Amino acid sequence: MAFAAVERLIALRYLRARRDEGFLSIIAGFSLIGIALGVGTLIVVMAVMNGFRVELLRQITSVNGHLAVTAGREAITDLPTVEAKIKAVPGVAGVSPVLEGQAIVAAGEQVRGIMLRGMRPEDLMLRKPIADSVSGVTAAGPQRGVCKAAAGPAAEPAKGRGDLSSLSRGRFVAIGARLAEVLGVSVGDVVTIVSPTSVDTPLGRLPRTRRFEVGAIFEVGMFDYDTNFIYASLDNARDFFETPDRTSMIEVFALDPGAYDALIPRINAVLEYKYFAFNWIEANSSFFATVAQQANVMFLVLTLIVLVAAFNIVSSLMMLVRTKGPDIAILRTIGARRGAILRVFFLDGMGLGVVGTALGVGLGVAFADNIEAIRQWLQCSLGLTLFDPQLYQLTELPARIAWDEIAGIAAMALLFCFLATIYPAWVATRLDPIEGLRRG
């Protein structure tokens, strides 16, 4: 559709209302602002939902490995053989045997239920989020710029984060920073870990207990791990659970993190289906399905907001057509065709849509790109918890901008604006010039 210079000039003059048409200009302005807010809000919400899913999966795989191999409800007993077979699979970067179980930790008067995870110390030191937080390379979670009043006591960095290599030197453990805060312990303090199972003693059946020294304190930015996990050496965990030569699972790291799913059938085949490999999306399928469903619902709800904002253009253009009836009649009498009138009002409607959409995209991208800083500022200013790490499992509000998704949102908004423009523009072409001149 080609637009003549005079059509563009008339369309622009129609949008710049005279003094006696100020209300019309206000209506058009609100239509533009409504589209911008709708598009921007949709971009921000979808970026946060994408970031939440991607960041949670990234942190899970960086702490736990890309895949895990288990024997179902049974323990893995022939570890050297199974480990060698998995290492021989093309595409496998490394493996790490893990023994884990529930236990109770006590320090002073504080008692908490925890998950005790036993790993080889050299494998634990390769887990970058854990190793970096202990060494001080990164400070996970709310330590970065969050005011103490809003973040709470758990935001205080632990004093002296210790050394993961201590786990290979005796009865040492690494515990999460939030758990250390709750227990009131730091590096060098002693904690007592109690097994949920009991042992026979001359005094009867008593819980199995071991005393461990805190060798390191980690903070990976996931609430569950920072609050509920304690790491020990694989040998100490086996001694505590009295399960020598047993392993709960073997975690697997892939050479290509983007293609680890392709390793599952290869590993299952080489293990002759006695053991089974799975990824963490499968292990938490209901959770990730819920996240995807919530994203779809939010997209639908916010799309309706954009739709309503776009159709405000209908009322704006209908008022414009009614106000400019005499002008339209004059244009028709001096030779303007219906198509020219149609294009004038089409330009007005799509002008509002294009400017509103562009403004919404700019604001949405800027807001999403700085969402965590904005969240921290609002938390400090209002003294409210706007993103509860206990509920969302992450200590920072993530956002991931997907440009293809933004392009789709912008195209959808422009389509709504186009549909909203058709009827008023068509009505303008059907005005009777004689009637318009009489009203003028």
Foldseek 3Di string as FASTA:
>chain_A
DDADPVLQVLLVVLLVDDPVCVVLVVLLVLLLQLLLQLLLVLQQLLQLLVFLLVVVQVLCCLQFNFKKKAQPPDWDQPVVVLQVLLVPQPFFPHKWFKAKDWWWKAADPDIDIAIEIATALVVNCSSVQFVCQFVVVDPFFDLPQFDCLLQDPLSDDAPRFAHSVVLVVDQEKEAASSQCVRNVDHAFDKMKIWGPAWDQDPVGTDTQIDIGGHRGYGHNFFPRRNRHYMYHHNVVVCVRVVPPSTTRIMHTHGPDSVPCVVCQVVSCVSVVVSMGMDGVCVVVVVVVVVSVVVSVVSSVVSLVSLLVSLLSLLVSLLVSLVVCLQVLLVCVVVPDALVSLLSSLLCNLLVSLVSSLVSSLVSSVVCSVCVQVVQSVCCVVVVHHPDDSVVSRGSTRTGHRDVVVSVVSSVSSSVSSNVSRNVSSNVSSPRDSVVSNVVD
